[in-house]
Amino acid sequence: MVSLATRIGDLRLKNPIMPASGTFSEDLADVLDLSRLGAHVTKTITEEMRGGNPTPRVCELPGAMLNSIGIPSKGVQHFIDHVIPFYDRYDVPLVVSISAHSADDFARLCETISVPGVAAIEVNISCPNIEEDGKAFALRPATTFVVMEKMRGATDLPLWAKLSPNTGEPSEVAQAAEAAGADALVVSNTLLAMAIDIESRRPKLGNLMGGLSGPSLKPVALRMAYQCAKSVSIPVIGCGGISTVEDVVEYLIAGARAVQVGTATFIDPGAMTRLLDGLEAFLRRTGIDDLDDLVGSVRDEVAIMEVAP
């Protein structure tokens, strides 16, 4: 009997497959069995209502997608009143993704959203921080620590810190999040990028720049997931460019205990259950009975070449 169960801190998941925030909604219940997923991760919400960024918000690139949605939100109260009740029907942990402009705003939103039905909070600290001239919290260890510490004091729910691939200090940022009380890391968010229409000479996004996702992001996000898993003792959840079973297995071997699937769902709404079936088949084929035996099994010893005198 193959076991796909995994543990993210105190939270036990029946399998490691879950959606990435921003790519999942109640509408998917019409095309796949949501009860099969390891967790449900909601679209990012904010305390206030938000309209999002100017259009166009999305453009397709070779092997990737570029987006600048801008986190449109109906506000936290609408989420509590209308969205949480929808997910109550499933025996699957509900993870709420949140975003805010300052550390105090993050802490207040954490406290507000800590209600029955919410199993964990994913904190999008990859978003701009108005206290640091618009720089994302997760770009530096110091700002990561400050915001995570404030949120840790505002809720008893598990906190998953979603990190940014745009930092030059991934291990240090991961360690700062852990030290401040994060229960897990989601690695990673999208990579800041840009595309230009050569005929009009205008950026292809209304907000000029946006986040790169899809298969082209995977080598970057995989490298970062590996570095973070080596640097902290809390679980890492891999995210970025996952579209095949091989992608899932790579993240697990690199040290991730679970994965989030995003852009692939836009192309194939049933991608997550397809990957779940494929992962189980892979474990059976390779004689692995327990998912834990795969996690962090990368053979990363550096070979030392002998040089003749």
C-alpha atoms as a PDB file:
ATOM      1  CA  MET A   1       0.000   0.000   0.000  1.00  0.00           C
ATOM      2  CA  VAL A   2       1.534   3.303  -1.099  1.00  0.00           C
ATOM      3  CA  SER A   3       1.246   6.204   1.380  1.00  0.00           C
ATOM      4  CA  LEU A   4       1.079   9.699  -0.105  1.00  0.00           C
ATOM      5  CA  ALA A   5       0.474  11.366   3.268  1.00  0.00           C
ATOM      6  CA  THR A   6       2.739  14.198   4.323  1.00  0.00           C
ATOM      7  CA  ARG A   7       2.984  16.511   7.305  1.00  0.00           C
ATOM      8  CA  ILE A   8       3.400  20.290   7.203  1.00  0.00           C
ATOM      9  CA  GLY A   9       4.143  21.125  10.821  1.00  0.00           C
ATOM     10  CA  ASP A  10       1.161  19.960  12.879  1.00  0.00           C
ATOM     11  CA  LEU A  11      -1.022  19.767   9.772  1.00  0.00           C
ATOM     12  CA  ARG A  12      -1.387  16.309   8.224  1.00  0.00           C
ATOM     13  CA  LEU A  13      -2.213  16.196   4.511  1.00  0.00           C
ATOM     14  CA  LYS A  14      -3.437  13.026   2.790  1.00  0.00           C
ATOM     15  CA  ASN A  15      -1.218  13.854  -0.175  1.00  0.00           C
ATOM     16  CA  PRO A  16       1.270  16.580  -1.186  1.00  0.00           C
ATOM     17  CA  ILE A  17      -0.709  18.132  -4.071  1.00  0.00           C
ATOM     18  CA  MET A  18      -2.393  21.510  -3.584  1.00  0.00           C
ATOM     19  CA  PRO A  19      -3.129  24.617  -5.674  1.00  0.00           C
ATOM     20  CA  ALA A  20      -1.008  27.747  -5.732  1.00  0.00           C
ATOM     21  CA  SER A  21      -2.850  30.839  -4.535  1.00  0.00           C
ATOM     22  CA  GLY A  22      -4.397  32.876  -7.315  1.00  0.00           C
ATOM     23  CA  THR A  23      -5.043  29.841  -9.519  1.00  0.00           C
ATOM     24  CA  PHE A  24      -7.804  28.165  -7.523  1.00  0.00           C
ATOM     25  CA  SER A  25     -11.476  28.963  -7.008  1.00  0.00           C
ATOM     26  CA  GLU A  26     -14.778  27.348  -6.157  1.00  0.00           C
ATOM     27  CA  ASP A  27     -15.524  27.028  -9.896  1.00  0.00           C
ATOM     28  CA  LEU A  28     -13.007  24.179 -10.172  1.00  0.00           C
ATOM     29  CA  ALA A  29     -15.450  21.984  -8.257  1.00  0.00           C
ATOM     30  CA  ASP A  30     -17.301  21.635 -11.578  1.00  0.00           C
ATOM     31  CA  VAL A  31     -14.349  19.930 -13.286  1.00  0.00           C
ATOM     32  CA  LEU A  32     -12.453  17.999 -10.588  1.00  0.00           C
ATOM     33  CA  ASP A  33     -13.048  16.352  -7.243  1.00  0.00           C
ATOM     34  CA  LEU A  34     -11.730  18.891  -4.750  1.00  0.00           C
ATOM     35  CA  SER A  35     -11.888  16.324  -1.956  1.00  0.00           C
ATOM     36  CA  ARG A  36      -8.891  14.517  -3.494  1.00  0.00           C
ATOM     37  CA  LEU A  37      -6.444  17.388  -2.927  1.00  0.00           C
ATOM     38  CA  GLY A  38      -4.045  17.542  -0.016  1.00  0.00           C
ATOM     39  CA  ALA A  39      -5.089  21.111   0.837  1.00  0.00           C
ATOM     40  CA  HIS A  40      -7.119  23.969  -0.586  1.00  0.00           C
ATOM     41  CA  VAL A  41      -5.205  27.226  -0.957  1.00  0.00           C
ATOM     42  CA  THR A  42      -7.422  30.208  -1.685  1.00  0.00           C
ATOM     43  CA  LYS A  43      -6.865  33.188  -3.898  1.00  0.00           C
ATOM     44  CA  THR A  44      -5.046  35.885  -1.942  1.00  0.00           C
ATOM     45  CA  ILE A  45      -7.351  38.165   0.029  1.00  0.00           C
ATOM     46  CA  THR A  46      -6.788  41.605   1.501  1.00  0.00           C
ATOM     47  CA  GLU A  47      -8.483  43.361   4.394  1.00  0.00           C
ATOM     48  CA  GLU A  48     -10.056  45.948   2.108  1.00  0.00           C
ATOM     49  CA  MET A  49     -11.749  45.685  -1.276  1.00  0.00           C
ATOM     50  CA  ARG A  50      -9.316  46.013  -4.194  1.00  0.00           C
ATOM     51  CA  GLY A  51      -9.907  46.407  -7.911  1.00  0.00           C
ATOM     52  CA  GLY A  52      -6.590  45.049  -9.184  1.00  0.00           C
ATOM     53  CA  ASN A  53      -4.098  46.379 -11.716  1.00  0.00           C
ATOM     54  CA  PRO A  54      -4.829  48.026 -15.095  1.00  0.00           C
ATOM     55  CA  THR A  55      -5.347  45.805 -18.116  1.00  0.00           C
ATOM     56  CA  PRO A  56      -3.927  43.914 -19.877  1.00  0.00           C
ATOM     57  CA  ARG A  57      -3.106  41.777 -16.863  1.00  0.00           C
ATOM     58  CA  VAL A  58      -1.844  38.591 -18.506  1.00  0.00           C
ATOM     59  CA  CYS A  59       0.283  37.685 -21.505  1.00  0.00           C
ATOM     60  CA  GLU A  60       1.575  34.374 -22.794  1.00  0.00           C
ATOM     61  CA  LEU A  61       5.271  33.794 -23.415  1.00  0.00           C
ATOM     62  CA  PRO A  62       7.177  30.757 -24.719  1.00  0.00           C
ATOM     63  CA  GLY A  63       7.069  28.245 -21.877  1.00  0.00           C
ATOM     64  CA  ALA A  64       5.690  30.789 -19.438  1.00  0.00           C
ATOM     65  CA  MET A  65       2.959  33.188 -18.444  1.00  0.00           C
ATOM     66  CA  LEU A  66       3.409  36.782 -17.333  1.00  0.00           C
ATOM     67  CA  ASN A  67       0.772  38.320 -15.082  1.00  0.00           C
ATOM     68  CA  SER A  68       0.110  41.451 -13.106  1.00  0.00           C
ATOM     69  CA  ILE A  69      -3.319  40.823 -11.644  1.00  0.00           C
ATOM     70  CA  GLY A  70      -2.858  43.114  -8.653  1.00  0.00           C
ATOM     71  CA  ILE A  71      -4.697  40.990  -6.065  1.00  0.00           C
ATOM     72  CA  PRO A  72      -8.307  42.059  -6.664  1.00  0.00           C
ATOM     73  CA  SER A  73     -10.277  41.266  -3.521  1.00  0.00           C
ATOM     74  CA  LYS A  74     -13.791  41.593  -2.147  1.00  0.00           C
ATOM     75  CA  GLY A  75     -12.345  42.055   1.330  1.00  0.00           C
ATOM     76  CA  VAL A  76     -11.917  39.829   4.345  1.00  0.00           C
ATOM     77  CA  GLN A  77     -15.504  40.003   5.619  1.00  0.00           C
ATOM     78  CA  HIS A  78     -16.916  38.823   2.297  1.00  0.00           C
ATOM     79  CA  PHE A  79     -14.420  35.949   2.400  1.00  0.00           C
ATOM     80  CA  ILE A  80     -15.476  34.912   5.904  1.00  0.00           C
ATOM     81  CA  ASP A  81     -19.185  35.142   5.096  1.00  0.00           C
ATOM     82  CA  HIS A  82     -19.217  33.512   1.653  1.00  0.00           C
ATOM     83  CA  VAL A  83     -16.018  31.617   0.795  1.00  0.00           C
ATOM     84  CA  ILE A  84     -15.182  29.719   3.979  1.00  0.00           C
ATOM     85  CA  PRO A  85     -18.688  28.144   4.141  1.00  0.00           C
ATOM     86  CA  PHE A  86     -18.184  26.746   0.628  1.00  0.00           C
ATOM     87  CA  TYR A  87     -15.037  24.843   1.659  1.00  0.00           C
ATOM     88  CA  ASP A  88     -16.568  23.565   4.908  1.00  0.00           C
ATOM     89  CA  ARG A  89     -18.163  20.720   2.937  1.00  0.00           C
ATOM     90  CA  TYR A  90     -14.735  19.174   2.177  1.00  0.00           C
ATOM     91  CA  ASP A  91     -12.592  17.164   4.554  1.00  0.00           C
ATOM     92  CA  VAL A  92      -9.518  18.990   3.284  1.00  0.00           C
ATOM     93  CA  PRO A  93      -7.485  21.636   5.199  1.00  0.00           C
ATOM     94  CA  LEU A  94      -8.270  25.179   4.067  1.00  0.00           C
ATOM     95  CA  VAL A  95      -5.236  27.450   3.725  1.00  0.00           C
ATOM     96  CA  VAL A  96      -6.044  31.147   3.339  1.00  0.00           C
ATOM     97  CA  SER A  97      -3.574  33.308   1.420  1.00  0.00           C
ATOM     98  CA  ILE A  98      -3.373  36.905   2.656  1.00  0.00           C
ATOM     99  CA  SER A  99      -1.624  40.101   1.594  1.00  0.00           C
ATOM    100  CA  ALA A 100      -1.193  43.512   3.203  1.00  0.00           C
ATOM    101  CA  HIS A 101       0.848  46.695   2.826  1.00  0.00           C
ATOM    102  CA  SER A 102       2.551  46.840   6.225  1.00  0.00           C
ATOM    103  CA  ALA A 103       3.543  44.579   9.097  1.00  0.00           C
ATOM    104  CA  ASP A 104       0.746  45.950  11.290  1.00  0.00           C
ATOM    105  CA  ASP A 105      -1.801  45.412   8.513  1.00  0.00           C
ATOM    106  CA  PHE A 106      -0.605  41.827   8.094  1.00  0.00           C
ATOM    107  CA  ALA A 107      -0.950  41.187  11.836  1.00  0.00           C
ATOM    108  CA  ARG A 108      -4.453  42.646  11.954  1.00  0.00           C
ATOM    109  CA  LEU A 109      -5.575  40.580   8.972  1.00  0.00           C
ATOM    110  CA  CYS A 110      -4.068  37.438  10.527  1.00  0.00           C
ATOM    111  CA  GLU A 111      -6.120  38.014  13.657  1.00  0.00           C
ATOM    112  CA  THR A 112      -9.308  38.680  11.676  1.00  0.00           C
ATOM    113  CA  ILE A 113      -9.000  35.592   9.487  1.00  0.00           C
ATOM    114  CA  SER A 114      -8.228  33.241  12.405  1.00  0.00           C
ATOM    115  CA  VAL A 115     -11.750  31.820  12.455  1.00  0.00           C
ATOM    116  CA  PRO A 116     -13.215  28.300  12.500  1.00  0.00           C
ATOM    117  CA  GLY A 117     -12.744  26.543   9.174  1.00  0.00           C
ATOM    118  CA  VAL A 118      -9.265  27.954   8.504  1.00  0.00           C
ATOM    119  CA  ALA A 119      -6.473  25.403   9.003  1.00  0.00           C
ATOM    120  CA  ALA A 120      -3.479  27.606   8.150  1.00  0.00           C
ATOM    121  CA  ILE A 121      -2.592  31.050   6.819  1.00  0.00           C
ATOM    122  CA  GLU A 122      -0.273  31.509   3.844  1.00  0.00           C
ATOM    123  CA  VAL A 123       1.268  34.958   4.090  1.00  0.00           C
ATOM    124  CA  ASN A 124       2.263  36.563   0.813  1.00  0.00           C
ATOM    125  CA  ILE A 125       5.261  38.524   2.068  1.00  0.00           C
ATOM    126  CA  SER A 126       6.479  38.731  -1.519  1.00  0.00           C
ATOM    127  CA  CYS A 127       4.213  41.734  -2.078  1.00  0.00           C
ATOM    128  CA  PRO A 128       5.380  45.400  -1.843  1.00  0.00           C
ATOM    129  CA  ASN A 129       5.882  46.841   1.627  1.00  0.00           C
ATOM    130  CA  ILE A 130       4.883  50.489   1.989  1.00  0.00           C
ATOM    131  CA  GLU A 131       7.169  50.796   5.007  1.00  0.00           C
ATOM    132  CA  GLU A 132      10.213  49.988   2.840  1.00  0.00           C
ATOM    133  CA  ASP A 133       9.600  52.113  -0.268  1.00  0.00           C
ATOM    134  CA  GLY A 134       7.636  49.387  -1.993  1.00  0.00           C
ATOM    135  CA  LYS A 135      10.241  46.644  -1.582  1.00  0.00           C
ATOM    136  CA  ALA A 136       8.825  43.202  -0.769  1.00  0.00           C
ATOM    137  CA  PHE A 137       9.270  41.998   2.819  1.00  0.00           C
ATOM    138  CA  ALA A 138      10.765  38.712   1.609  1.00  0.00           C
ATOM    139  CA  LEU A 139      13.658  40.365  -0.236  1.00  0.00           C
ATOM    140  CA  ARG A 140      15.653  40.766   2.975  1.00  0.00           C
ATOM    141  CA  PRO A 141      16.043  38.795   6.210  1.00  0.00           C
ATOM    142  CA  ALA A 142      15.430  41.788   8.501  1.00  0.00           C
ATOM    143  CA  THR A 143      12.081  42.808   7.016  1.00  0.00           C
ATOM    144  CA  THR A 144      11.032  39.158   6.773  1.00  0.00           C
ATOM    145  CA  PHE A 145      11.673  38.712  10.482  1.00  0.00           C
ATOM    146  CA  VAL A 146       9.749  41.847  11.462  1.00  0.00           C
ATOM    147  CA  VAL A 147       6.566  40.997   9.562  1.00  0.00           C
ATOM    148  CA  MET A 148       6.572  37.315  10.507  1.00  0.00           C
ATOM    149  CA  GLU A 149       7.140  38.091  14.182  1.00  0.00           C
ATOM    150  CA  LYS A 150       4.163  40.477  14.227  1.00  0.00           C
ATOM    151  CA  MET A 151       1.929  37.893  12.589  1.00  0.00           C
ATOM    152  CA  ARG A 152       3.122  35.169  14.928  1.00  0.00           C
ATOM    153  CA  GLY A 153       1.914  37.296  17.824  1.00  0.00           C
ATOM    154  CA  ALA A 154      -1.502  37.774  16.212  1.00  0.00           C
ATOM    155  CA  THR A 155      -2.597  34.174  15.603  1.00  0.00           C
ATOM    156  CA  ASP A 156      -2.191  30.633  16.884  1.00  0.00           C
ATOM    157  CA  LEU A 157      -2.846  29.169  13.431  1.00  0.00           C
ATOM    158  CA  PRO A 158       0.047  27.735  11.407  1.00  0.00           C
ATOM    159  CA  LEU A 159       1.771  30.385   9.294  1.00  0.00           C
ATOM    160  CA  TRP A 160       3.195  29.546   5.870  1.00  0.00           C
ATOM    161  CA  ALA A 161       5.556  32.229   4.575  1.00  0.00           C
ATOM    162  CA  LYS A 162       5.489  32.564   0.779  1.00  0.00           C
ATOM    163  CA  LEU A 163       8.952  33.680  -0.318  1.00  0.00           C
ATOM    164  CA  SER A 164      10.219  35.557  -3.354  1.00  0.00           C
ATOM    165  CA  PRO A 165      12.655  34.305  -6.015  1.00  0.00           C
ATOM    166  CA  ASN A 166      13.756  37.909  -6.486  1.00  0.00           C
ATOM    167  CA  THR A 167      15.937  37.887  -3.370  1.00  0.00           C
ATOM    168  CA  GLY A 168      19.677  37.374  -3.481  1.00  0.00           C
ATOM    169  CA  GLU A 169      19.574  35.875   0.031  1.00  0.00           C
ATOM    170  CA  PRO A 170      17.168  32.916  -0.126  1.00  0.00           C
ATOM    171  CA  SER A 171      18.711  30.905   2.710  1.00  0.00           C
ATOM    172  CA  GLU A 172      19.002  33.906   5.019  1.00  0.00           C
ATOM    173  CA  VAL A 173      15.408  34.988   4.323  1.00  0.00           C
ATOM    174  CA  ALA A 174      14.208  31.426   4.975  1.00  0.00           C
ATOM    175  CA  GLN A 175      16.075  31.313   8.279  1.00  0.00           C
ATOM    176  CA  ALA A 176      14.641  34.684   9.310  1.00  0.00           C
ATOM    177  CA  ALA A 177      11.099  33.474   8.631  1.00  0.00           C
ATOM    178  CA  GLU A 178      11.719  30.350  10.688  1.00  0.00           C
ATOM    179  CA  ALA A 179      13.273  32.300  13.558  1.00  0.00           C
ATOM    180  CA  ALA A 180      10.265  34.635  13.663  1.00  0.00           C
ATOM    181  CA  GLY A 181       7.775  31.773  13.956  1.00  0.00           C
ATOM    182  CA  ALA A 182       6.873  30.536  10.472  1.00  0.00           C
ATOM    183  CA  ASP A 183       5.627  26.942  10.487  1.00  0.00           C
ATOM    184  CA  ALA A 184       6.420  26.322   6.810  1.00  0.00           C
ATOM    185  CA  LEU A 185       7.801  28.030   3.719  1.00  0.00           C
ATOM    186  CA  VAL A 186       6.200  28.210   0.279  1.00  0.00           C
ATOM    187  CA  VAL A 187       9.004  28.483  -2.269  1.00  0.00           C
ATOM    188  CA  SER A 188       8.410  30.433  -4.335  1.00  0.00           C
ATOM    189  CA  ASN A 189       6.280  33.224  -5.726  1.00  0.00           C
ATOM    190  CA  THR A 190       6.643  34.477  -9.310  1.00  0.00           C
ATOM    191  CA  LEU A 191       9.811  36.029 -10.759  1.00  0.00           C
ATOM    192  CA  LEU A 192       9.652  39.726 -11.619  1.00  0.00           C
ATOM    193  CA  ALA A 193       9.758  40.034 -15.413  1.00  0.00           C
ATOM    194  CA  MET A 194       8.730  42.111 -18.415  1.00  0.00           C
ATOM    195  CA  ALA A 195       7.688  41.746 -22.069  1.00  0.00           C
ATOM    196  CA  ILE A 196       7.400  44.394 -24.817  1.00  0.00           C
ATOM    197  CA  ASP A 197       5.295  44.420 -27.984  1.00  0.00           C
ATOM    198  CA  ILE A 198       7.791  45.329 -30.714  1.00  0.00           C
ATOM    199  CA  GLU A 199       5.127  46.807 -33.016  1.00  0.00           C
ATOM    200  CA  SER A 200       3.583  49.226 -30.525  1.00  0.00           C
ATOM    201  CA  ARG A 201       6.782  49.416 -28.414  1.00  0.00           C
ATOM    202  CA  ARG A 202       4.585  49.211 -25.343  1.00  0.00           C
ATOM    203  CA  PRO A 203       4.911  46.774 -22.447  1.00  0.00           C
ATOM    204  CA  LYS A 204       2.562  43.827 -22.851  1.00  0.00           C
ATOM    205  CA  LEU A 205       1.205  44.361 -19.334  1.00  0.00           C
ATOM    206  CA  GLY A 206      -0.765  47.386 -18.234  1.00  0.00           C
ATOM    207  CA  ASN A 207       1.329  47.576 -15.064  1.00  0.00           C
ATOM    208  CA  LEU A 208       4.600  47.426 -17.107  1.00  0.00           C
ATOM    209  CA  MET A 209       6.094  44.487 -15.186  1.00  0.00           C
ATOM    210  CA  GLY A 210       4.642  41.334 -13.679  1.00  0.00           C
ATOM    211  CA  GLY A 211       5.290  37.872 -12.339  1.00  0.00           C
ATOM    212  CA  LEU A 212       6.722  35.099 -14.508  1.00  0.00           C
ATOM    213  CA  SER A 213       5.242  31.645 -13.921  1.00  0.00           C
ATOM    214  CA  GLY A 214       5.023  28.346 -15.766  1.00  0.00           C
ATOM    215  CA  PRO A 215       7.680  25.795 -16.828  1.00  0.00           C
ATOM    216  CA  SER A 216      10.366  28.422 -17.449  1.00  0.00           C
ATOM    217  CA  LEU A 217      10.319  29.347 -13.760  1.00  0.00           C
ATOM    218  CA  LYS A 218      10.856  25.807 -12.470  1.00  0.00           C
ATOM    219  CA  PRO A 219      14.685  25.608 -12.488  1.00  0.00           C
ATOM    220  CA  VAL A 220      14.885  28.854 -10.502  1.00  0.00           C
ATOM    221  CA  ALA A 221      12.186  27.911  -7.991  1.00  0.00           C
ATOM    222  CA  LEU A 222      13.549  24.363  -7.654  1.00  0.00           C
ATOM    223  CA  ARG A 223      17.020  25.693  -6.865  1.00  0.00           C
ATOM    224  CA  MET A 224      15.551  27.992  -4.247  1.00  0.00           C
ATOM    225  CA  ALA A 225      13.422  25.225  -2.700  1.00  0.00           C
ATOM    226  CA  TYR A 226      16.551  23.080  -2.415  1.00  0.00           C
ATOM    227  CA  GLN A 227      18.525  25.899  -0.772  1.00  0.00           C
ATOM    228  CA  CYS A 228      15.736  26.651   1.700  1.00  0.00           C
ATOM    229  CA  ALA A 229      15.182  23.000   2.608  1.00  0.00           C
ATOM    230  CA  LYS A 230      18.905  22.743   3.408  1.00  0.00           C
ATOM    231  CA  SER A 231      18.789  25.900   5.533  1.00  0.00           C
ATOM    232  CA  VAL A 232      15.773  25.385   7.811  1.00  0.00           C
ATOM    233  CA  SER A 233      14.140  22.659   9.883  1.00  0.00           C
ATOM    234  CA  ILE A 234      10.552  23.632   9.048  1.00  0.00           C
ATOM    235  CA  PRO A 235       8.814  22.105   6.001  1.00  0.00           C
ATOM    236  CA  VAL A 236       9.232  23.571   2.527  1.00  0.00           C
ATOM    237  CA  ILE A 237       6.394  23.537  -0.006  1.00  0.00           C
ATOM    238  CA  GLY A 238       7.674  23.712  -3.581  1.00  0.00           C
ATOM    239  CA  CYS A 239       5.946  26.060  -6.007  1.00  0.00           C
ATOM    240  CA  GLY A 240       6.863  27.188  -9.490  1.00  0.00           C
ATOM    241  CA  GLY A 241       6.545  25.684 -12.959  1.00  0.00           C
ATOM    242  CA  ILE A 242       5.021  22.347 -11.976  1.00  0.00           C
ATOM    243  CA  SER A 243       3.153  20.724 -14.851  1.00  0.00           C
ATOM    244  CA  THR A 244       4.376  17.104 -14.987  1.00  0.00           C
ATOM    245  CA  VAL A 245       4.804  14.253 -12.529  1.00  0.00           C
ATOM    246  CA  GLU A 246       8.558  14.564 -13.053  1.00  0.00           C
ATOM    247  CA  ASP A 247       8.348  18.164 -11.820  1.00  0.00           C
ATOM    248  CA  VAL A 248       6.560  17.053  -8.642  1.00  0.00           C
ATOM    249  CA  VAL A 249       9.117  14.330  -7.972  1.00  0.00           C
ATOM    250  CA  GLU A 250      12.029  16.734  -8.533  1.00  0.00           C
ATOM    251  CA  TYR A 251      10.718  19.101  -5.869  1.00  0.00           C
ATOM    252  CA  LEU A 252      10.214  16.242  -3.415  1.00  0.00           C
ATOM    253  CA  ILE A 253      13.708  14.887  -4.012  1.00  0.00           C
ATOM    254  CA  ALA A 254      15.084  18.429  -3.545  1.00  0.00           C
ATOM    255  CA  GLY A 255      13.555  18.522  -0.059  1.00  0.00           C
ATOM    256  CA  ALA A 256       9.998  19.847  -0.434  1.00  0.00           C
ATOM    257  CA  ARG A 257       7.345  17.987   1.555  1.00  0.00           C
ATOM    258  CA  ALA A 258       4.482  19.159  -0.677  1.00  0.00           C
ATOM    259  CA  VAL A 259       3.968  21.139  -3.877  1.00  0.00           C
ATOM    260  CA  GLN A 260       1.626  23.793  -5.222  1.00  0.00           C
ATOM    261  CA  VAL A 261       0.354  23.753  -8.798  1.00  0.00           C
ATOM    262  CA  GLY A 262      -0.517  27.043 -10.486  1.00  0.00           C
ATOM    263  CA  THR A 263      -0.212  27.932 -14.163  1.00  0.00           C
ATOM    264  CA  ALA A 264      -0.742  24.306 -15.242  1.00  0.00           C
ATOM    265  CA  THR A 265      -4.330  24.521 -13.974  1.00  0.00           C
ATOM    266  CA  PHE A 266      -5.090  27.333 -16.433  1.00  0.00           C
ATOM    267  CA  ILE A 267      -4.035  25.044 -19.280  1.00  0.00           C
ATOM    268  CA  ASP A 268      -5.578  21.858 -17.869  1.00  0.00           C
ATOM    269  CA  PRO A 269      -8.176  22.359 -15.089  1.00  0.00           C
ATOM    270  CA  GLY A 270      -7.703  18.725 -14.069  1.00  0.00           C
ATOM    271  CA  ALA A 271      -3.924  19.042 -13.759  1.00  0.00           C
ATOM    272  CA  MET A 272      -3.767  18.519  -9.998  1.00  0.00           C
ATOM    273  CA  THR A 273      -5.640  15.213  -9.979  1.00  0.00           C
ATOM    274  CA  ARG A 274      -3.657  14.084 -13.033  1.00  0.00           C
ATOM    275  CA  LEU A 275      -0.433  14.794 -11.135  1.00  0.00           C
ATOM    276  CA  LEU A 276      -1.763  13.035  -8.053  1.00  0.00           C
ATOM    277  CA  ASP A 277      -2.514   9.880 -10.042  1.00  0.00           C
ATOM    278  CA  GLY A 278       0.871  10.099 -11.739  1.00  0.00           C
ATOM    279  CA  LEU A 279       2.722  10.499  -8.447  1.00  0.00           C
ATOM    280  CA  GLU A 280       1.079   7.412  -6.990  1.00  0.00           C
ATOM    281  CA  ALA A 281       1.956   5.462 -10.141  1.00  0.00           C
ATOM    282  CA  PHE A 282       5.585   6.652  -9.903  1.00  0.00           C
ATOM    283  CA  LEU A 283       5.891   5.462  -6.297  1.00  0.00           C
ATOM    284  CA  ARG A 284       4.446   2.066  -7.206  1.00  0.00           C
ATOM    285  CA  ARG A 285       6.734   1.719 -10.213  1.00  0.00           C
ATOM    286  CA  THR A 286       9.860   2.575  -8.223  1.00  0.00           C
ATOM    287  CA  GLY A 287       8.941   0.458  -5.206  1.00  0.00           C
ATOM    288  CA  ILE A 288       8.573   3.378  -2.783  1.00  0.00           C
ATOM    289  CA  ASP A 289       5.900   2.671  -0.161  1.00  0.00           C
ATOM    290  CA  ASP A 290       6.041   5.960   1.713  1.00  0.00           C
ATOM    291  CA  LEU A 291       6.345   9.494   0.316  1.00  0.00           C
ATOM    292  CA  ASP A 292       8.732  10.364   3.172  1.00  0.00           C
ATOM    293  CA  ASP A 293      11.326   8.049   1.639  1.00  0.00           C
ATOM    294  CA  LEU A 294      11.462  10.325  -1.409  1.00  0.00           C
ATOM    295  CA  VAL A 295      11.602  13.695   0.350  1.00  0.00           C
ATOM    296  CA  GLY A 296      15.096  15.183   0.484  1.00  0.00           C
ATOM    297  CA  SER A 297      16.697  12.143  -1.143  1.00  0.00           C
ATOM    298  CA  VAL A 298      18.781  14.178  -3.622  1.00  0.00           C
ATOM    299  CA  ARG A 299      22.297  12.837  -4.055  1.00  0.00           C
ATOM    300  CA  ASP A 300      24.084  16.145  -3.789  1.00  0.00           C
ATOM    301  CA  GLU A 301      27.588  15.123  -2.784  1.00  0.00           C
ATOM    302  CA  VAL A 302      29.990  17.291  -4.741  1.00  0.00           C
ATOM    303  CA  ALA A 303      32.404  15.183  -6.753  1.00  0.00           C
ATOM    304  CA  ILE A 304      36.023  16.254  -6.305  1.00  0.00           C
ATOM    305  CA  MET A 305      38.120  15.764  -9.400  1.00  0.00           C
ATOM    306  CA  GLU A 306      41.695  14.728  -8.897  1.00  0.00           C
ATOM    307  CA  VAL A 307      44.160  16.780 -10.909  1.00  0.00           C
ATOM    308  CA  ALA A 308      47.338  15.073 -11.951  1.00  0.00           C
ATOM    309  CA  PRO A 309      50.513  16.867 -10.772  1.00  0.00           C
END
